[in-house]
Amino acid sequence: MPRYRLDPTPEQEQVLLGDCAHARYVWNLAVEQHGFWSRHRGRAPGYKEQSRQLTAARAEFEWLRAGSQTVQQQALRDFAQAMSNFFAGTHRRPTWRKQGVHEGFRQVGLKPHQVKRLSHKWGCGAGAQVRMGEVPPVAAGAGGCEVLPGHP
């Protein structure tokens, strides 16, 4: 999976931190759900059920709806993979994510035209990767920062 280094403006940084907070919230909620369930209570909800619950929560809560749905769904997918790894015996049980320690999220589904290379070392796709509302995406590169095409 390619990674891109971001050099966001302070305004963009706040949006990114908001997406990190939403991903962390969804992850921690999944950890809590799985911690609640035991053998005598039946099975814990799987990815599909948690996705339905997330859709219902987004409809109910404006602050959750304001975040990127893709980022939130990806947090659920990552949690489902972490649980699969745990049950396969290759990893430990997923734990809580903490603010300032476990900051990050994955954005998937990029198209080739959303990423361009600025130089041999620097890729430019960071802004296209992240839903940033009205804030134009900026990518860092050897030649400085530039606003990505298709944005004001």
N, C-alpha and C. Protein backbone atom coordinates (compact mmCIF):
# COMPACT_ATOMS: atom_id res chain seq x y z
N MET A 1 0.85 -1.17 0.00
CA MET A 1 0.00 0.00 0.00
C MET A 1 0.90 1.23 0.00
N PRO A 2 0.73 2.11 -0.98
CA PRO A 2 1.55 3.31 -1.00
C PRO A 2 1.16 4.26 0.13
N ARG A 3 2.14 4.98 0.61
CA ARG A 3 1.92 5.99 1.64
C ARG A 3 2.42 7.31 1.11
N TYR A 4 1.74 8.36 1.50
CA TYR A 4 2.12 9.69 1.05
C TYR A 4 2.33 10.59 2.25
N ARG A 5 3.36 11.37 2.17
CA ARG A 5 3.64 12.32 3.24
C ARG A 5 2.81 13.57 2.99
N LEU A 6 2.15 14.05 4.02
CA LEU A 6 1.31 15.23 3.90
C LEU A 6 2.00 16.43 4.50
N ASP A 7 1.74 17.57 3.93
CA ASP A 7 2.18 18.84 4.48
C ASP A 7 0.96 19.76 4.47
N PRO A 8 -0.03 19.48 5.34
CA PRO A 8 -1.28 20.22 5.27
C PRO A 8 -1.17 21.61 5.88
N THR A 9 -2.06 22.47 5.44
CA THR A 9 -2.19 23.78 6.07
C THR A 9 -2.84 23.55 7.44
N PRO A 10 -2.82 24.53 8.33
CA PRO A 10 -3.47 24.35 9.64
C PRO A 10 -4.96 24.01 9.50
N GLU A 11 -5.62 24.59 8.53
CA GLU A 11 -7.04 24.31 8.30
C GLU A 11 -7.25 22.85 7.88
N GLN A 12 -6.41 22.38 6.98
CA GLN A 12 -6.49 21.00 6.51
C GLN A 12 -6.12 20.02 7.63
N GLU A 13 -5.17 20.41 8.47
CA GLU A 13 -4.76 19.55 9.57
C GLU A 13 -5.93 19.28 10.51
N GLN A 14 -6.75 20.28 10.75
CA GLN A 14 -7.92 20.10 11.61
C GLN A 14 -8.90 19.10 11.00
N VAL A 15 -9.08 19.17 9.69
CA VAL A 15 -9.97 18.22 9.01
C VAL A 15 -9.41 16.81 9.11
N LEU A 16 -8.11 16.66 8.90
CA LEU A 16 -7.47 15.34 8.99
C LEU A 16 -7.56 14.77 10.41
N LEU A 17 -7.34 15.62 11.41
CA LEU A 17 -7.46 15.17 12.79
C LEU A 17 -8.90 14.76 13.11
N GLY A 18 -9.86 15.45 12.51
CA GLY A 18 -11.26 15.06 12.67
C GLY A 18 -11.52 13.68 12.09
N ASP A 19 -10.96 13.41 10.91
CA ASP A 19 -11.10 12.08 10.31
C ASP A 19 -10.42 11.01 11.16
N CYS A 20 -9.26 11.36 11.74
CA CYS A 20 -8.58 10.42 12.65
C CYS A 20 -9.46 10.13 13.86
N ALA A 21 -10.09 11.17 14.39
CA ALA A 21 -10.95 10.99 15.57
C ALA A 21 -12.15 10.11 15.24
N HIS A 22 -12.75 10.30 14.06
CA HIS A 22 -13.89 9.47 13.67
C HIS A 22 -13.48 8.01 13.48
N ALA A 23 -12.34 7.79 12.84
CA ALA A 23 -11.85 6.41 12.65
C ALA A 23 -11.56 5.77 14.00
N ARG A 24 -10.96 6.53 14.92
CA ARG A 24 -10.66 6.01 16.25
C ARG A 24 -11.95 5.70 17.01
N TYR A 25 -12.96 6.55 16.89
CA TYR A 25 -14.24 6.34 17.56
C TYR A 25 -14.89 5.04 17.07
N VAL A 26 -14.93 4.86 15.76
CA VAL A 26 -15.55 3.67 15.18
C VAL A 26 -14.78 2.42 15.62
N TRP A 27 -13.47 2.47 15.58
CA TRP A 27 -12.64 1.33 16.01
C TRP A 27 -12.91 0.99 17.47
N ASN A 28 -12.88 2.00 18.35
CA ASN A 28 -13.08 1.76 19.77
C ASN A 28 -14.48 1.24 20.07
N LEU A 29 -15.45 1.68 19.31
CA LEU A 29 -16.81 1.16 19.48
C LEU A 29 -16.86 -0.32 19.11
N ALA A 30 -16.15 -0.69 18.06
CA ALA A 30 -16.09 -2.11 17.66
C ALA A 30 -15.37 -2.93 18.73
N VAL A 31 -14.30 -2.39 19.32
CA VAL A 31 -13.60 -3.09 20.40
C VAL A 31 -14.54 -3.28 21.58
N GLU A 32 -15.29 -2.24 21.92
CA GLU A 32 -16.23 -2.33 23.03
C GLU A 32 -17.31 -3.39 22.77
N GLN A 33 -17.86 -3.39 21.56
CA GLN A 33 -18.87 -4.39 21.22
C GLN A 33 -18.34 -5.80 21.37
N HIS A 34 -17.15 -6.04 20.86
CA HIS A 34 -16.59 -7.40 20.93
C HIS A 34 -16.20 -7.77 22.35
N GLY A 35 -15.86 -6.80 23.17
CA GLY A 35 -15.55 -7.08 24.57
C GLY A 35 -16.79 -7.42 25.38
N PHE A 36 -17.94 -6.93 24.95
CA PHE A 36 -19.19 -7.15 25.65
C PHE A 36 -19.73 -8.56 25.44
N TRP A 37 -19.51 -9.09 24.26
CA TRP A 37 -20.08 -10.39 23.91
C TRP A 37 -19.23 -11.53 24.46
N SER A 38 -19.91 -12.62 24.82
CA SER A 38 -19.23 -13.82 25.29
C SER A 38 -20.00 -15.05 24.78
N ARG A 39 -19.55 -16.23 25.11
CA ARG A 39 -20.19 -17.44 24.60
C ARG A 39 -21.66 -17.52 24.97
N HIS A 40 -22.00 -17.20 26.21
CA HIS A 40 -23.40 -17.34 26.62
C HIS A 40 -24.29 -16.21 26.08
N ARG A 41 -23.72 -15.17 25.53
CA ARG A 41 -24.51 -14.08 24.93
C ARG A 41 -24.67 -14.24 23.42
N GLY A 42 -24.04 -15.19 22.85
CA GLY A 42 -24.11 -15.36 21.40
C GLY A 42 -22.90 -14.74 20.73
N ARG A 43 -23.01 -14.57 19.45
CA ARG A 43 -21.89 -14.04 18.66
C ARG A 43 -21.89 -12.52 18.66
N ALA A 44 -20.71 -11.96 18.60
CA ALA A 44 -20.55 -10.51 18.47
C ALA A 44 -20.92 -10.12 17.04
N PRO A 45 -21.37 -8.89 16.82
CA PRO A 45 -21.72 -8.48 15.46
C PRO A 45 -20.50 -8.50 14.55
N GLY A 46 -20.70 -8.95 13.33
CA GLY A 46 -19.63 -8.97 12.34
C GLY A 46 -19.57 -7.66 11.56
N TYR A 47 -18.75 -7.66 10.53
CA TYR A 47 -18.54 -6.44 9.75
C TYR A 47 -19.85 -5.92 9.15
N LYS A 48 -20.65 -6.80 8.55
CA LYS A 48 -21.88 -6.34 7.90
C LYS A 48 -22.85 -5.71 8.90
N GLU A 49 -23.02 -6.34 10.04
CA GLU A 49 -23.92 -5.79 11.07
C GLU A 49 -23.37 -4.46 11.60
N GLN A 50 -22.07 -4.39 11.82
CA GLN A 50 -21.48 -3.14 12.29
C GLN A 50 -21.60 -2.04 11.24
N SER A 51 -21.53 -2.40 9.97
CA SER A 51 -21.73 -1.41 8.90
C SER A 51 -23.15 -0.87 8.92
N ARG A 52 -24.12 -1.75 9.15
CA ARG A 52 -25.51 -1.29 9.27
C ARG A 52 -25.67 -0.36 10.46
N GLN A 53 -25.04 -0.72 11.56
CA GLN A 53 -25.11 0.13 12.76
C GLN A 53 -24.46 1.49 12.51
N LEU A 54 -23.34 1.49 11.78
CA LEU A 54 -22.67 2.75 11.46
C LEU A 54 -23.57 3.62 10.59
N THR A 55 -24.24 3.02 9.61
CA THR A 55 -25.15 3.78 8.75
C THR A 55 -26.27 4.40 9.58
N ALA A 56 -26.82 3.65 10.52
CA ALA A 56 -27.88 4.17 11.38
C ALA A 56 -27.35 5.29 12.28
N ALA A 57 -26.14 5.12 12.80
CA ALA A 57 -25.55 6.15 13.66
C ALA A 57 -25.25 7.42 12.87
N ARG A 58 -24.79 7.27 11.63
CA ARG A 58 -24.53 8.45 10.79
C ARG A 58 -25.82 9.21 10.49
N ALA A 59 -26.93 8.48 10.34
CA ALA A 59 -28.21 9.14 10.09
C ALA A 59 -28.68 9.91 11.33
N GLU A 60 -28.32 9.41 12.50
CA GLU A 60 -28.80 10.01 13.74
C GLU A 60 -27.93 11.16 14.24
N PHE A 61 -26.61 11.04 14.07
CA PHE A 61 -25.69 12.01 14.65
C PHE A 61 -25.00 12.85 13.58
N GLU A 62 -25.19 14.15 13.64
CA GLU A 62 -24.61 15.09 12.66
C GLU A 62 -23.09 15.07 12.71
N TRP A 63 -22.50 15.03 13.92
CA TRP A 63 -21.05 15.09 14.04
C TRP A 63 -20.38 13.88 13.39
N LEU A 64 -21.05 12.72 13.42
CA LEU A 64 -20.49 11.53 12.77
C LEU A 64 -20.71 11.61 11.26
N ARG A 65 -21.84 12.13 10.85
CA ARG A 65 -22.15 12.28 9.44
C ARG A 65 -21.20 13.28 8.77
N ALA A 66 -20.67 14.22 9.54
CA ALA A 66 -19.76 15.23 8.98
C ALA A 66 -18.42 14.63 8.55
N GLY A 67 -18.08 13.47 9.09
CA GLY A 67 -16.82 12.83 8.73
C GLY A 67 -16.93 12.01 7.46
N SER A 68 -15.81 11.53 7.01
CA SER A 68 -15.75 10.73 5.79
C SER A 68 -16.30 9.33 6.03
N GLN A 69 -17.31 8.96 5.28
CA GLN A 69 -17.89 7.63 5.41
C GLN A 69 -16.87 6.56 5.02
N THR A 70 -16.07 6.83 4.02
CA THR A 70 -15.06 5.87 3.58
C THR A 70 -14.06 5.58 4.69
N VAL A 71 -13.61 6.62 5.38
CA VAL A 71 -12.66 6.45 6.48
C VAL A 71 -13.29 5.61 7.59
N GLN A 72 -14.55 5.88 7.91
CA GLN A 72 -15.23 5.15 8.99
C GLN A 72 -15.46 3.69 8.60
N GLN A 73 -15.89 3.44 7.37
CA GLN A 73 -16.10 2.07 6.92
C GLN A 73 -14.77 1.31 6.88
N GLN A 74 -13.71 1.99 6.48
CA GLN A 74 -12.41 1.33 6.42
C GLN A 74 -11.93 0.96 7.82
N ALA A 75 -12.25 1.77 8.81
CA ALA A 75 -11.89 1.43 10.20
C ALA A 75 -12.59 0.12 10.60
N LEU A 76 -13.85 -0.04 10.20
CA LEU A 76 -14.57 -1.29 10.48
C LEU A 76 -13.95 -2.48 9.75
N ARG A 77 -13.55 -2.27 8.49
CA ARG A 77 -12.91 -3.35 7.73
C ARG A 77 -11.59 -3.74 8.38
N ASP A 78 -10.82 -2.73 8.79
CA ASP A 78 -9.54 -3.01 9.44
C ASP A 78 -9.76 -3.77 10.75
N PHE A 79 -10.82 -3.41 11.49
CA PHE A 79 -11.11 -4.12 12.73
C PHE A 79 -11.51 -5.57 12.44
N ALA A 80 -12.32 -5.79 11.42
CA ALA A 80 -12.72 -7.15 11.06
C ALA A 80 -11.50 -7.97 10.69
N GLN A 81 -10.55 -7.38 9.97
CA GLN A 81 -9.32 -8.09 9.61
C GLN A 81 -8.49 -8.37 10.86
N ALA A 82 -8.44 -7.42 11.79
CA ALA A 82 -7.69 -7.61 13.03
C ALA A 82 -8.29 -8.76 13.84
N MET A 83 -9.62 -8.86 13.88
CA MET A 83 -10.26 -9.96 14.60
C MET A 83 -9.99 -11.29 13.90
N SER A 84 -10.00 -11.30 12.57
CA SER A 84 -9.68 -12.52 11.83
C SER A 84 -8.26 -12.98 12.15
N ASN A 85 -7.34 -12.03 12.18
CA ASN A 85 -5.95 -12.35 12.52
C ASN A 85 -5.85 -12.88 13.94
N PHE A 86 -6.61 -12.31 14.86
CA PHE A 86 -6.60 -12.77 16.25
C PHE A 86 -7.10 -14.21 16.33
N PHE A 87 -8.23 -14.50 15.69
CA PHE A 87 -8.79 -15.85 15.76
C PHE A 87 -7.93 -16.87 15.02
N ALA A 88 -7.15 -16.41 14.04
CA ALA A 88 -6.23 -17.31 13.33
C ALA A 88 -4.98 -17.59 14.16
N GLY A 89 -4.79 -16.82 15.24
CA GLY A 89 -3.64 -17.03 16.11
C GLY A 89 -2.37 -16.33 15.67
N THR A 90 -2.47 -15.43 14.71
CA THR A 90 -1.27 -14.74 14.21
C THR A 90 -1.03 -13.39 14.87
N HIS A 91 -2.06 -12.84 15.54
CA HIS A 91 -1.94 -11.53 16.17
C HIS A 91 -2.66 -11.54 17.51
N ARG A 92 -2.37 -10.50 18.31
CA ARG A 92 -3.09 -10.35 19.57
C ARG A 92 -4.46 -9.73 19.32
N ARG A 93 -5.31 -9.77 20.35
CA ARG A 93 -6.65 -9.19 20.26
C ARG A 93 -6.52 -7.68 20.05
N PRO A 94 -7.34 -7.11 19.16
CA PRO A 94 -7.32 -5.66 18.95
C PRO A 94 -7.63 -4.91 20.25
N THR A 95 -6.94 -3.81 20.46
CA THR A 95 -7.11 -3.02 21.67
C THR A 95 -7.59 -1.61 21.32
N TRP A 96 -7.83 -0.84 22.36
CA TRP A 96 -8.31 0.53 22.21
C TRP A 96 -7.27 1.38 21.49
N ARG A 97 -7.75 2.32 20.74
CA ARG A 97 -6.87 3.33 20.13
C ARG A 97 -6.97 4.60 20.96
N LYS A 98 -5.82 5.22 21.18
CA LYS A 98 -5.77 6.40 22.04
C LYS A 98 -5.42 7.64 21.23
N GLN A 99 -6.02 8.75 21.62
CA GLN A 99 -5.76 10.02 20.94
C GLN A 99 -4.30 10.41 21.11
N GLY A 100 -3.69 10.84 20.02
CA GLY A 100 -2.31 11.26 20.06
C GLY A 100 -1.31 10.13 19.95
N VAL A 101 -1.76 8.89 20.13
CA VAL A 101 -0.87 7.73 20.05
C VAL A 101 -1.16 6.93 18.79
N HIS A 102 -2.43 6.63 18.58
CA HIS A 102 -2.85 5.82 17.44
C HIS A 102 -3.62 6.67 16.43
N GLU A 103 -3.02 7.75 15.98
CA GLU A 103 -3.68 8.63 15.03
C GLU A 103 -3.40 8.14 13.62
N GLY A 104 -4.45 7.97 12.85
CA GLY A 104 -4.27 7.59 11.46
C GLY A 104 -5.50 6.90 10.93
N PHE A 105 -5.56 6.80 9.63
CA PHE A 105 -6.66 6.11 8.97
C PHE A 105 -6.19 5.74 7.58
N ARG A 106 -6.96 4.85 6.95
CA ARG A 106 -6.66 4.45 5.58
C ARG A 106 -7.77 4.94 4.68
N GLN A 107 -7.39 5.46 3.55
CA GLN A 107 -8.34 5.86 2.53
C GLN A 107 -8.06 4.99 1.31
N VAL A 108 -9.06 4.26 0.87
CA VAL A 108 -8.87 3.32 -0.23
C VAL A 108 -9.67 3.77 -1.44
N GLY A 109 -9.46 3.08 -2.55
CA GLY A 109 -10.24 3.34 -3.75
C GLY A 109 -9.72 4.50 -4.59
N LEU A 110 -8.43 4.77 -4.49
CA LEU A 110 -7.87 5.85 -5.31
C LEU A 110 -7.79 5.42 -6.77
N LYS A 111 -8.05 6.35 -7.64
CA LYS A 111 -7.90 6.13 -9.08
C LYS A 111 -6.51 6.61 -9.50
N PRO A 112 -5.95 6.02 -10.56
CA PRO A 112 -4.60 6.42 -10.99
C PRO A 112 -4.47 7.92 -11.27
N HIS A 113 -5.52 8.57 -11.76
CA HIS A 113 -5.42 10.00 -12.08
C HIS A 113 -5.41 10.87 -10.82
N GLN A 114 -5.68 10.30 -9.65
CA GLN A 114 -5.69 11.08 -8.42
C GLN A 114 -4.30 11.18 -7.78
N VAL A 115 -3.34 10.45 -8.33
CA VAL A 115 -1.99 10.45 -7.78
C VAL A 115 -1.02 10.81 -8.90
N LYS A 116 -0.11 11.72 -8.62
CA LYS A 116 0.92 12.01 -9.60
C LYS A 116 2.25 12.15 -8.88
N ARG A 117 3.32 11.85 -9.58
CA ARG A 117 4.65 11.90 -9.00
C ARG A 117 5.26 13.27 -9.27
N LEU A 118 5.76 13.90 -8.20
CA LEU A 118 6.41 15.19 -8.34
C LEU A 118 7.89 15.03 -8.66
N SER A 119 8.51 14.01 -8.11
CA SER A 119 9.91 13.73 -8.38
C SER A 119 10.15 12.25 -8.08
N HIS A 120 11.40 11.85 -8.13
CA HIS A 120 11.72 10.46 -7.87
C HIS A 120 11.31 10.04 -6.45
N LYS A 121 11.44 10.95 -5.50
CA LYS A 121 11.16 10.64 -4.10
C LYS A 121 9.74 10.99 -3.67
N TRP A 122 9.17 12.01 -4.25
CA TRP A 122 7.91 12.54 -3.74
C TRP A 122 6.74 12.16 -4.61
N GLY A 123 5.74 11.56 -4.03
CA GLY A 123 4.48 11.30 -4.72
C GLY A 123 3.49 12.36 -4.31
N CYS A 124 2.61 12.67 -5.21
CA CYS A 124 1.62 13.69 -4.92
C CYS A 124 0.24 13.06 -5.07
N GLY A 125 -0.43 12.83 -4.00
CA GLY A 125 -1.76 12.27 -4.05
C GLY A 125 -2.44 12.43 -2.72
N ALA A 126 -1.73 13.06 -1.82
CA ALA A 126 -2.22 13.15 -0.46
C ALA A 126 -3.56 13.85 -0.38
N GLY A 127 -3.72 14.94 -1.10
CA GLY A 127 -4.98 15.66 -1.04
C GLY A 127 -6.11 14.87 -1.66
N ALA A 128 -5.82 14.15 -2.71
CA ALA A 128 -6.86 13.35 -3.36
C ALA A 128 -7.25 12.17 -2.50
N GLN A 129 -6.36 11.76 -1.60
CA GLN A 129 -6.66 10.61 -0.75
C GLN A 129 -7.67 10.96 0.33
N VAL A 130 -7.69 12.17 0.76
CA VAL A 130 -8.43 12.52 1.95
C VAL A 130 -9.57 13.46 1.61
N ARG A 131 -10.77 13.12 2.07
CA ARG A 131 -11.92 13.99 1.89
C ARG A 131 -11.73 15.17 2.83
N MET A 132 -11.60 16.35 2.26
CA MET A 132 -11.26 17.49 3.09
C MET A 132 -12.28 18.62 2.95
N GLY A 133 -13.48 18.30 2.55
CA GLY A 133 -14.52 19.32 2.49
C GLY A 133 -14.19 20.42 1.51
N GLU A 134 -14.35 21.64 1.93
CA GLU A 134 -14.10 22.79 1.07
C GLU A 134 -12.64 23.20 1.04
N VAL A 135 -11.81 22.56 1.85
CA VAL A 135 -10.40 22.92 1.90
C VAL A 135 -9.68 22.27 0.74
N PRO A 136 -9.03 23.05 -0.16
CA PRO A 136 -8.36 22.42 -1.30
C PRO A 136 -7.18 21.57 -0.84
N PRO A 137 -7.03 20.39 -1.42
CA PRO A 137 -5.93 19.52 -1.01
C PRO A 137 -4.59 20.06 -1.48
N VAL A 138 -3.60 19.94 -0.63
CA VAL A 138 -2.25 20.40 -0.94
C VAL A 138 -1.31 19.22 -0.78
N ALA A 139 -0.43 19.06 -1.72
CA ALA A 139 0.55 17.98 -1.62
C ALA A 139 1.94 18.57 -1.48
N ALA A 140 2.75 17.95 -0.64
CA ALA A 140 4.12 18.41 -0.44
C ALA A 140 5.02 17.74 -1.46
N GLY A 141 5.99 18.45 -1.92
CA GLY A 141 6.93 17.86 -2.85
C GLY A 141 8.23 18.63 -2.84
N ALA A 142 9.16 18.17 -3.65
CA ALA A 142 10.47 18.81 -3.70
C ALA A 142 10.34 20.24 -4.18
N GLY A 143 9.36 20.50 -5.02
CA GLY A 143 9.17 21.85 -5.54
C GLY A 143 8.23 22.70 -4.69
N GLY A 144 7.96 22.30 -3.49
CA GLY A 144 7.04 23.03 -2.62
C GLY A 144 5.66 22.39 -2.66
N CYS A 145 4.65 23.16 -2.29
CA CYS A 145 3.29 22.65 -2.25
C CYS A 145 2.51 23.16 -3.44
N GLU A 146 1.55 22.37 -3.87
CA GLU A 146 0.69 22.79 -4.96
C GLU A 146 -0.71 22.30 -4.72
N VAL A 147 -1.68 23.06 -5.18
CA VAL A 147 -3.06 22.64 -5.09
C VAL A 147 -3.31 21.63 -6.20
N LEU A 148 -3.94 20.52 -5.87
CA LEU A 148 -4.16 19.48 -6.85
C LEU A 148 -5.17 19.92 -7.89
N PRO A 149 -5.06 19.43 -9.13
CA PRO A 149 -5.99 19.81 -10.19
C PRO A 149 -7.42 19.45 -9.83
N GLY A 150 -8.34 20.28 -10.30
CA GLY A 150 -9.75 20.03 -10.07
C GLY A 150 -10.24 20.66 -8.79
N HIS A 151 -9.39 21.40 -8.10
CA HIS A 151 -9.77 22.07 -6.88
C HIS A 151 -9.48 23.57 -7.02
N PRO A 152 -10.28 24.40 -6.39
CA PRO A 152 -10.08 25.85 -6.51
C PRO A 152 -8.76 26.32 -5.94
